[in-house]
Amino acid sequence: MVVEVTRLLLGVLIAVFHRPLANTIMQHERALDMFFRQRGFRFPAPPSDTTAQNLYFVIGIFICLFEAGKIWVTMSY
């Protein structure tokens, strides 16, 4: 039960802090993209900040819903 509650709180934290989390990860991804482009590798461009923010928000909400459902099913038996 402790693991499920911890995962639920992790999902809440991801959903609440999705903007700074996405911005930080996108900065690192752009730096990595430039590193590879300078060495001749061509990969697709990283997604925009807005896309990454929306993606992290959806991931956080999905984790919350999934873990809340698991807790609810576990407690109903």
Protein backbone atom coordinates (compact mmCIF):
# COMPACT_ATOMS: atom_id res chain seq x y z
CA MET A 1 0.00 0.00 0.00
CA VAL A 2 2.91 2.35 0.70
CA VAL A 3 4.24 1.82 -2.83
CA GLU A 4 0.89 2.71 -4.40
CA VAL A 5 0.52 5.88 -2.33
CA THR A 6 4.09 6.86 -3.19
CA ARG A 7 3.37 6.40 -6.89
CA LEU A 8 0.17 8.40 -6.53
CA LEU A 9 2.11 11.26 -4.92
CA LEU A 10 4.74 11.03 -7.66
CA GLY A 11 1.99 11.40 -10.27
CA VAL A 12 0.60 14.42 -8.41
CA LEU A 13 4.07 16.00 -8.26
CA ILE A 14 4.60 15.43 -11.99
CA ALA A 15 1.20 16.96 -12.78
CA VAL A 16 1.74 19.96 -10.49
CA PHE A 17 5.31 20.70 -11.61
CA HIS A 18 4.93 19.68 -15.27
CA ARG A 19 6.06 23.05 -16.66
CA PRO A 20 9.42 23.43 -14.87
CA LEU A 21 10.07 19.70 -15.30
CA ALA A 22 9.41 19.83 -19.03
CA ASN A 23 11.44 23.02 -19.51
CA THR A 24 14.45 21.54 -17.70
CA ILE A 25 14.32 18.29 -19.63
CA MET A 26 13.89 20.14 -22.94
CA GLN A 27 16.98 22.27 -22.22
CA HIS A 28 19.00 19.09 -21.74
CA GLU A 29 17.46 17.51 -24.82
CA ARG A 30 18.33 20.54 -26.97
CA ALA A 31 21.92 20.47 -25.68
CA LEU A 32 22.14 16.76 -26.52
CA ASP A 33 20.62 17.43 -29.94
CA MET A 34 23.25 20.11 -30.67
CA PHE A 35 26.01 17.75 -29.47
CA PHE A 36 24.96 15.10 -31.99
CA ARG A 37 24.30 17.58 -34.81
CA GLN A 38 27.83 18.99 -34.46
CA ARG A 39 29.14 15.47 -34.98
CA GLY A 40 27.10 14.86 -38.12
CA PHE A 41 24.15 12.88 -36.75
CA ARG A 42 20.72 14.04 -37.85
CA PHE A 43 17.79 13.25 -35.61
CA PRO A 44 14.28 14.69 -35.67
CA ALA A 45 13.98 18.05 -33.93
CA PRO A 46 12.96 17.95 -30.27
CA PRO A 47 9.34 18.81 -29.54
CA SER A 48 8.38 22.33 -28.54
CA ASP A 49 8.16 23.37 -24.89
CA THR A 50 4.36 23.46 -25.05
CA THR A 51 4.19 19.92 -26.42
CA ALA A 52 6.56 18.65 -23.74
CA GLN A 53 4.59 20.42 -21.00
CA ASN A 54 1.33 18.89 -22.21
CA LEU A 55 2.96 15.48 -22.43
CA TYR A 56 4.29 15.61 -18.87
CA PHE A 57 0.92 16.81 -17.57
CA VAL A 58 -0.85 13.89 -19.27
CA ILE A 59 1.74 11.45 -17.91
CA GLY A 60 1.26 12.80 -14.38
CA ILE A 61 -2.52 12.60 -14.57
CA PHE A 62 -2.37 9.09 -16.03
CA ILE A 63 -0.14 7.92 -13.16
CA CYS A 64 -2.56 9.49 -10.65
CA LEU A 65 -5.63 7.86 -12.18
CA PHE A 66 -3.96 4.48 -12.57
CA GLU A 67 -2.67 4.38 -8.99
CA ALA A 68 -5.93 5.72 -7.55
CA GLY A 69 -7.74 2.95 -9.41
CA LYS A 70 -5.31 0.37 -8.06
CA ILE A 71 -5.79 1.63 -4.51
CA TRP A 72 -9.56 1.66 -4.91
CA VAL A 73 -9.66 -1.90 -6.28
CA THR A 74 -7.30 -3.13 -3.55
CA MET A 75 -9.37 -1.56 -0.78
CA SER A 76 -12.69 -2.83 -2.16
CA TYR A 77 -11.66 -6.49 -1.69
